[in-house]
Amino acid sequence: MNTSHKRGMAGAGSAMFLVGTLTAVSATISGYPVFGGQAVRYAVAALVLLAVARLAGGAAPRPSVGPSARDWLLLAALAATGLVAFNVCIVAATRDTSPATIGTVIATVPVVLALIGPLLEGRRPAPALLLSACVVAAGAALASGFGGGSARGLLLSLGALAGEVCFSLLAVPLLPRLGPLRVSAYSAALAAPMLVAVGLVADGTALLRVPTAAELAGFAYLSVVVTTIAFLLWYDAIGRLGADRAGLFAGLIPVSAVITTVALGLGRPGAADLAGAALVAAGVVLGLRTRVAPREPAPSEPVTCETAPIGIARGSA
């Protein structure tokens, strides 16, 4: 296992752990208009990421060309599905079903990525990796508590799952060209006005208001930690591990949510939480030990040894 692979594992695990803290922290902003708050979150994150990109550009060679028209279309689709539609579906689903049901459906992300990710990269899904993803999903569902709800709530949860999958898969063709920093910055910047438009329809003039001190702290954490840092770590991990292997770490989200809840004194883990965490850990370990066949280049695709920009390199199995 080389250094790039190890960095990808550490990054994916850290990113999903940070994302898992979102549930507990979101309690501090539950009274704020949802879509206006999310628009502010992504706008702040975009400003931070663009500032970092400018600073990084002064110390490293910039790409010879900017995003192409195809890149912008992919970025817009990523923002519309992985950020905007995901948030809309989550908010709407909570009115018809339990958070446990939503978490259980989204917990199948590793299975979907293990199946579709390799196909998009020109290779066959590894059966052992798919089995590992099923173990991770089962553990995450157990930690989430399975839950129940209406058919509409289930459909909205599936919409959130689709958004979560698109958040990773639509980035795959963008990362070698733009790198994790610019993909994160551009997608967040595009999501902010989209959420403002949704908020104007849903909340009208009540879209924004002055936040309280607790809400301001919550938004700061979500903008800087859950969005800026987690996005960078996740997209860097996808570039190093591939979407299928990185996707295994999505099972850490409900486990992280349980740990955060305990750390904040909001509850204690039960037997199902602990058993689910054990299954997630076993599935991740099994999946990372699975050998994955490298992508075969197309007949017309030249084989080069160039290093991908901004630290993106595929780790060896």
Protein backbone atom coordinates (compact mmCIF):
# COMPACT_ATOMS: atom_id res chain seq x y z
CA MET A 1 0.00 0.00 0.00
CA ASN A 2 1.65 3.25 -1.12
CA THR A 3 1.58 6.69 0.50
CA SER A 4 -1.09 8.02 -1.87
CA HIS A 5 -3.40 5.12 -0.99
CA LYS A 6 -2.89 5.70 2.74
CA ARG A 7 -3.60 9.42 2.35
CA GLY A 8 -6.77 8.60 0.44
CA MET A 9 -7.95 6.26 3.21
CA ALA A 10 -7.23 8.84 5.90
CA GLY A 11 -8.93 11.57 3.88
CA ALA A 12 -12.06 9.54 3.12
CA GLY A 13 -12.43 8.44 6.73
CA SER A 14 -11.93 11.96 8.05
CA ALA A 15 -14.34 13.47 5.50
CA MET A 16 -17.16 11.07 6.31
CA PHE A 17 -16.60 11.43 10.04
CA LEU A 18 -16.92 15.21 9.70
CA VAL A 19 -20.06 14.84 7.60
CA GLY A 20 -21.49 12.60 10.32
CA THR A 21 -21.25 15.47 12.82
CA LEU A 22 -23.71 17.46 10.68
CA THR A 23 -26.80 15.96 12.33
CA ALA A 24 -25.94 17.06 15.86
CA VAL A 25 -24.64 20.48 14.80
CA SER A 26 -27.71 21.08 12.65
CA ALA A 27 -29.76 21.16 15.84
CA THR A 28 -28.26 24.60 16.54
CA ILE A 29 -29.74 26.01 13.30
CA SER A 30 -33.05 24.12 13.24
CA GLY A 31 -35.00 27.34 13.70
CA TYR A 32 -33.35 29.15 10.78
CA PRO A 33 -34.94 29.12 7.27
CA VAL A 34 -33.50 25.96 5.75
CA PHE A 35 -32.74 26.97 2.19
CA GLY A 36 -31.49 30.45 3.01
CA GLY A 37 -29.22 28.94 5.65
CA GLN A 38 -27.84 26.34 3.23
CA ALA A 39 -27.28 29.04 0.59
CA VAL A 40 -25.25 31.05 3.11
CA ARG A 41 -23.33 27.91 4.10
CA TYR A 42 -22.27 27.14 0.52
CA ALA A 43 -21.58 30.79 -0.31
CA VAL A 44 -19.20 31.13 2.64
CA ALA A 45 -17.54 27.81 1.79
CA ALA A 46 -17.11 28.90 -1.84
CA LEU A 47 -15.45 32.15 -0.78
CA VAL A 48 -13.04 30.29 1.49
CA LEU A 49 -12.24 27.69 -1.16
CA LEU A 50 -11.73 30.28 -3.91
CA ALA A 51 -9.43 32.27 -1.61
CA VAL A 52 -7.41 29.12 -0.90
CA ALA A 53 -7.30 28.34 -4.64
CA ARG A 54 -5.93 31.82 -5.35
CA LEU A 55 -3.25 31.44 -2.67
CA ALA A 56 -2.36 27.96 -3.91
CA GLY A 57 -2.20 29.27 -7.46
CA GLY A 58 0.57 31.65 -6.46
CA ALA A 59 2.72 28.82 -5.16
CA ALA A 60 2.06 26.22 -7.86
CA PRO A 61 1.61 26.21 -11.64
CA ARG A 62 -1.95 26.95 -12.67
CA PRO A 63 -3.79 24.75 -15.15
CA SER A 64 -3.08 25.80 -18.73
CA VAL A 65 -6.78 26.17 -19.42
CA GLY A 66 -9.81 26.81 -17.26
CA PRO A 67 -12.95 24.68 -17.03
CA SER A 68 -14.40 23.78 -20.42
CA ALA A 69 -18.07 24.10 -21.33
CA ARG A 70 -18.46 20.38 -20.55
CA ASP A 71 -16.78 20.91 -17.17
CA TRP A 72 -19.22 23.70 -16.30
CA LEU A 73 -22.17 21.49 -17.26
CA LEU A 74 -20.87 18.70 -15.02
CA LEU A 75 -20.23 21.16 -12.19
CA ALA A 76 -23.73 22.59 -12.53
CA ALA A 77 -25.21 19.07 -12.52
CA LEU A 78 -23.12 18.18 -9.47
CA ALA A 79 -24.30 21.29 -7.60
CA ALA A 80 -27.94 20.80 -8.64
CA THR A 81 -28.06 17.12 -7.63
CA GLY A 82 -25.41 16.51 -4.98
CA LEU A 83 -25.97 19.75 -3.07
CA VAL A 84 -29.33 21.37 -3.89
CA ALA A 85 -31.55 18.35 -4.65
CA PHE A 86 -29.96 16.41 -1.80
CA ASN A 87 -30.87 19.15 0.71
CA VAL A 88 -34.38 19.62 -0.73
CA CYS A 89 -35.08 15.87 -0.54
CA ILE A 90 -33.74 15.60 3.00
CA VAL A 91 -35.86 18.52 4.22
CA ALA A 92 -39.01 17.24 2.48
CA ALA A 93 -38.44 13.63 3.59
CA THR A 94 -38.30 14.56 7.27
CA ARG A 95 -41.96 15.65 7.02
CA ASP A 96 -43.09 12.19 5.88
CA THR A 97 -40.68 9.72 7.43
CA SER A 98 -38.26 9.24 10.29
CA PRO A 99 -34.60 10.31 10.24
CA ALA A 100 -33.74 6.63 10.73
CA THR A 101 -35.41 5.70 7.43
CA ILE A 102 -33.57 8.48 5.60
CA GLY A 103 -30.29 7.38 7.14
CA THR A 104 -30.92 3.75 6.25
CA VAL A 105 -31.62 4.56 2.59
CA ILE A 106 -28.59 6.82 2.29
CA ALA A 107 -26.52 4.10 3.98
CA THR A 108 -26.72 2.15 0.70
CA VAL A 109 -24.38 4.69 -0.93
CA PRO A 110 -21.36 2.33 -0.66
CA VAL A 111 -23.24 -0.39 -2.57
CA VAL A 112 -24.24 1.98 -5.40
CA LEU A 113 -20.72 3.43 -5.70
CA ALA A 114 -19.14 -0.03 -5.62
CA LEU A 115 -21.37 -1.06 -8.52
CA ILE A 116 -21.49 2.07 -10.71
CA GLY A 117 -18.12 3.68 -9.92
CA PRO A 118 -15.98 1.02 -11.63
CA LEU A 119 -18.25 0.94 -14.70
CA LEU A 120 -17.72 4.67 -15.21
CA GLU A 121 -13.96 4.12 -14.98
CA GLY A 122 -13.95 1.36 -17.58
CA ARG A 123 -13.53 -1.68 -15.28
CA ARG A 124 -15.71 -4.35 -13.80
CA PRO A 125 -17.01 -4.12 -10.22
CA ALA A 126 -15.00 -6.33 -7.87
CA PRO A 127 -17.35 -8.94 -6.31
CA ALA A 128 -15.45 -8.86 -3.01
CA LEU A 129 -15.65 -5.08 -2.90
CA LEU A 130 -19.38 -5.18 -3.61
CA LEU A 131 -19.82 -7.68 -0.77
CA SER A 132 -17.83 -5.36 1.52
CA ALA A 133 -20.05 -2.44 0.52
CA CYS A 134 -23.15 -4.51 1.43
CA VAL A 135 -21.65 -5.23 4.87
CA VAL A 136 -20.93 -1.52 5.37
CA ALA A 137 -24.47 -0.57 4.28
CA ALA A 138 -25.98 -3.15 6.64
CA GLY A 139 -23.91 -1.82 9.53
CA ALA A 140 -24.84 1.77 8.74
CA ALA A 141 -28.53 0.84 8.50
CA LEU A 142 -28.32 -0.96 11.84
CA ALA A 143 -26.70 2.08 13.45
CA SER A 144 -29.39 4.30 11.90
CA GLY A 145 -32.15 2.19 13.42
CA PHE A 146 -33.87 1.22 10.13
CA GLY A 147 -37.04 3.20 10.91
CA GLY A 148 -40.27 3.47 8.94
CA GLY A 149 -42.41 5.94 7.08
CA SER A 150 -44.68 6.66 4.15
CA ALA A 151 -44.13 5.80 0.50
CA ARG A 152 -43.59 9.49 -0.27
CA GLY A 153 -40.97 9.71 2.44
CA LEU A 154 -39.22 6.65 1.00
CA LEU A 155 -39.20 8.15 -2.50
CA LEU A 156 -37.75 11.40 -1.19
CA SER A 157 -35.12 9.41 0.70
CA LEU A 158 -34.22 7.66 -2.56
CA GLY A 159 -33.93 11.12 -4.13
CA ALA A 160 -31.47 12.08 -1.41
CA LEU A 161 -29.55 8.86 -2.09
CA ALA A 162 -29.36 9.73 -5.79
CA GLY A 163 -28.06 13.19 -4.90
CA GLU A 164 -25.41 11.71 -2.61
CA VAL A 165 -24.28 9.31 -5.36
CA CYS A 166 -24.13 12.11 -7.95
CA PHE A 167 -22.04 14.19 -5.53
CA SER A 168 -19.28 11.59 -5.92
CA LEU A 169 -19.71 10.16 -9.41
CA LEU A 170 -20.10 13.46 -11.27
CA ALA A 171 -16.81 14.58 -9.75
CA VAL A 172 -14.86 11.61 -11.15
CA PRO A 173 -14.30 13.06 -14.66
CA LEU A 174 -13.65 16.54 -13.22
CA LEU A 175 -11.00 15.73 -10.63
CA PRO A 176 -8.07 14.85 -12.95
CA ARG A 177 -8.59 18.12 -14.84
CA LEU A 178 -9.53 20.59 -12.10
CA GLY A 179 -8.41 18.96 -8.85
CA PRO A 180 -10.36 18.68 -5.57
CA LEU A 181 -9.92 22.33 -4.60
CA ARG A 182 -11.53 23.81 -7.69
CA VAL A 183 -14.24 21.15 -7.95
CA SER A 184 -15.22 21.91 -4.35
CA ALA A 185 -15.11 25.69 -4.85
CA TYR A 186 -17.01 25.81 -8.14
CA SER A 187 -19.74 23.37 -7.07
CA ALA A 188 -20.35 25.26 -3.80
CA ALA A 189 -20.45 28.59 -5.67
CA LEU A 190 -23.00 27.23 -8.14
CA ALA A 191 -25.16 25.70 -5.41
CA ALA A 192 -25.62 28.96 -3.46
CA PRO A 193 -27.79 30.83 -6.05
CA MET A 194 -29.72 27.63 -6.80
CA LEU A 195 -30.65 27.33 -3.12
CA VAL A 196 -31.60 31.00 -3.01
CA ALA A 197 -34.03 30.38 -5.88
CA VAL A 198 -35.55 27.38 -4.08
CA GLY A 199 -35.75 29.40 -0.86
CA LEU A 200 -37.55 32.28 -2.55
CA VAL A 201 -40.21 29.84 -3.75
CA ALA A 202 -40.50 28.03 -0.41
CA ASP A 203 -40.02 30.87 2.10
CA GLY A 204 -40.40 34.13 0.14
CA THR A 205 -39.10 37.17 1.99
CA ALA A 206 -38.42 35.03 5.08
CA LEU A 207 -35.51 33.43 3.21
CA LEU A 208 -32.89 35.15 5.40
CA ARG A 209 -32.74 36.80 8.82
CA VAL A 210 -30.05 37.83 11.28
CA PRO A 211 -28.82 34.63 13.01
CA THR A 212 -28.46 34.24 16.76
CA ALA A 213 -25.02 33.66 18.30
CA ALA A 214 -25.64 29.88 18.44
CA GLU A 215 -26.85 29.81 14.83
CA LEU A 216 -23.85 31.83 13.69
CA ALA A 217 -21.50 29.35 15.38
CA GLY A 218 -23.39 26.45 13.79
CA PHE A 219 -23.19 27.97 10.30
CA ALA A 220 -19.49 28.71 10.76
CA TYR A 221 -18.84 25.05 11.63
CA LEU A 222 -20.95 23.76 8.73
CA SER A 223 -19.33 26.15 6.25
CA VAL A 224 -15.70 25.68 7.24
CA VAL A 225 -15.53 22.13 8.61
CA VAL A 226 -18.39 20.09 7.10
CA THR A 227 -18.31 21.80 3.70
CA THR A 228 -14.86 23.27 3.01
CA ILE A 229 -12.62 20.72 4.73
CA ALA A 230 -14.79 17.63 4.22
CA PHE A 231 -15.31 18.40 0.50
CA LEU A 232 -11.56 18.73 -0.08
CA LEU A 233 -10.76 15.54 1.82
CA TRP A 234 -13.51 13.57 0.06
CA TYR A 235 -12.68 14.61 -3.48
CA ASP A 236 -8.97 14.05 -2.90
CA ALA A 237 -9.80 10.56 -1.57
CA ILE A 238 -11.91 9.72 -4.64
CA GLY A 239 -8.99 10.68 -6.87
CA ARG A 240 -6.62 8.44 -4.92
CA LEU A 241 -8.85 5.43 -4.15
CA GLY A 242 -11.59 5.49 -6.76
CA ALA A 243 -15.28 6.10 -6.05
CA ASP A 244 -15.94 2.46 -5.14
CA ARG A 245 -13.33 2.17 -2.39
CA ALA A 246 -13.79 5.70 -1.08
CA GLY A 247 -17.52 5.03 -0.96
CA LEU A 248 -17.00 2.40 1.75
CA PHE A 249 -16.22 5.20 4.19
CA ALA A 250 -19.71 6.67 3.72
CA GLY A 251 -20.79 4.02 6.20
CA LEU A 252 -19.00 6.03 8.88
CA ILE A 253 -21.61 8.81 8.73
CA PRO A 254 -24.17 7.26 11.14
CA VAL A 255 -21.34 5.98 13.35
CA SER A 256 -19.91 9.49 13.56
CA ALA A 257 -23.39 10.85 14.29
CA VAL A 258 -23.67 8.49 17.28
CA ILE A 259 -20.22 9.47 18.57
CA THR A 260 -21.01 13.19 18.20
CA THR A 261 -24.32 12.75 20.00
CA VAL A 262 -22.53 11.09 22.92
CA ALA A 263 -19.77 13.73 22.95
CA LEU A 264 -22.36 16.50 23.16
CA GLY A 265 -24.21 14.71 25.95
CA LEU A 266 -27.36 14.21 23.88
CA GLY A 267 -27.61 10.44 24.29
CA ARG A 268 -25.87 7.10 24.73
CA PRO A 269 -25.23 4.38 22.12
CA GLY A 270 -27.31 1.23 22.33
CA ALA A 271 -26.48 -2.34 21.33
CA ALA A 272 -27.64 -1.72 17.74
CA ASP A 273 -25.37 1.33 17.46
CA LEU A 274 -22.33 -0.63 18.63
CA ALA A 275 -23.14 -3.65 16.43
CA GLY A 276 -23.64 -1.37 13.43
CA ALA A 277 -20.30 0.33 14.06
CA ALA A 278 -18.59 -3.07 14.23
CA LEU A 279 -20.15 -4.13 10.90
CA VAL A 280 -19.08 -0.88 9.24
CA ALA A 281 -15.52 -1.33 10.47
CA ALA A 282 -15.41 -4.94 9.27
CA GLY A 283 -16.78 -4.01 5.85
CA VAL A 284 -14.32 -1.15 5.37
CA VAL A 285 -11.34 -3.31 6.35
CA LEU A 286 -12.47 -6.13 4.06
CA GLY A 287 -13.06 -3.75 1.16
CA LEU A 288 -9.71 -2.01 1.45
CA ARG A 289 -7.94 -5.38 1.35
CA THR A 290 -9.63 -6.25 -1.93
CA ARG A 291 -7.50 -6.00 -5.04
CA VAL A 292 -9.06 -3.90 -7.79
CA ALA A 293 -8.21 -4.32 -11.45
CA PRO A 294 -6.79 -1.13 -13.02
CA ARG A 295 -8.81 0.73 -15.62
CA GLU A 296 -8.06 -0.40 -19.15
CA PRO A 297 -7.37 2.51 -21.54
CA ALA A 298 -9.57 2.79 -24.61
CA PRO A 299 -7.93 1.80 -27.93
CA SER A 300 -7.67 5.45 -28.97
CA GLU A 301 -6.57 6.66 -25.53
CA PRO A 302 -2.83 7.36 -25.22
CA VAL A 303 -1.04 5.81 -22.25
CA THR A 304 0.91 8.50 -20.41
CA CYS A 305 2.82 8.81 -17.16
CA GLU A 306 1.84 12.39 -16.39
CA THR A 307 0.95 13.28 -12.83
CA ALA A 308 -2.57 14.58 -12.33
CA PRO A 309 -2.86 18.18 -11.08
CA ILE A 310 -3.31 19.27 -7.48
CA GLY A 311 -2.33 16.02 -5.86
CA ILE A 312 -4.74 13.70 -7.66
CA ALA A 313 -3.19 10.32 -8.35
CA ARG A 314 -4.73 6.88 -8.46
CA GLY A 315 -3.37 4.72 -5.67
CA SER A 316 -2.30 1.18 -6.46
CA ALA A 317 -4.17 -1.75 -5.01
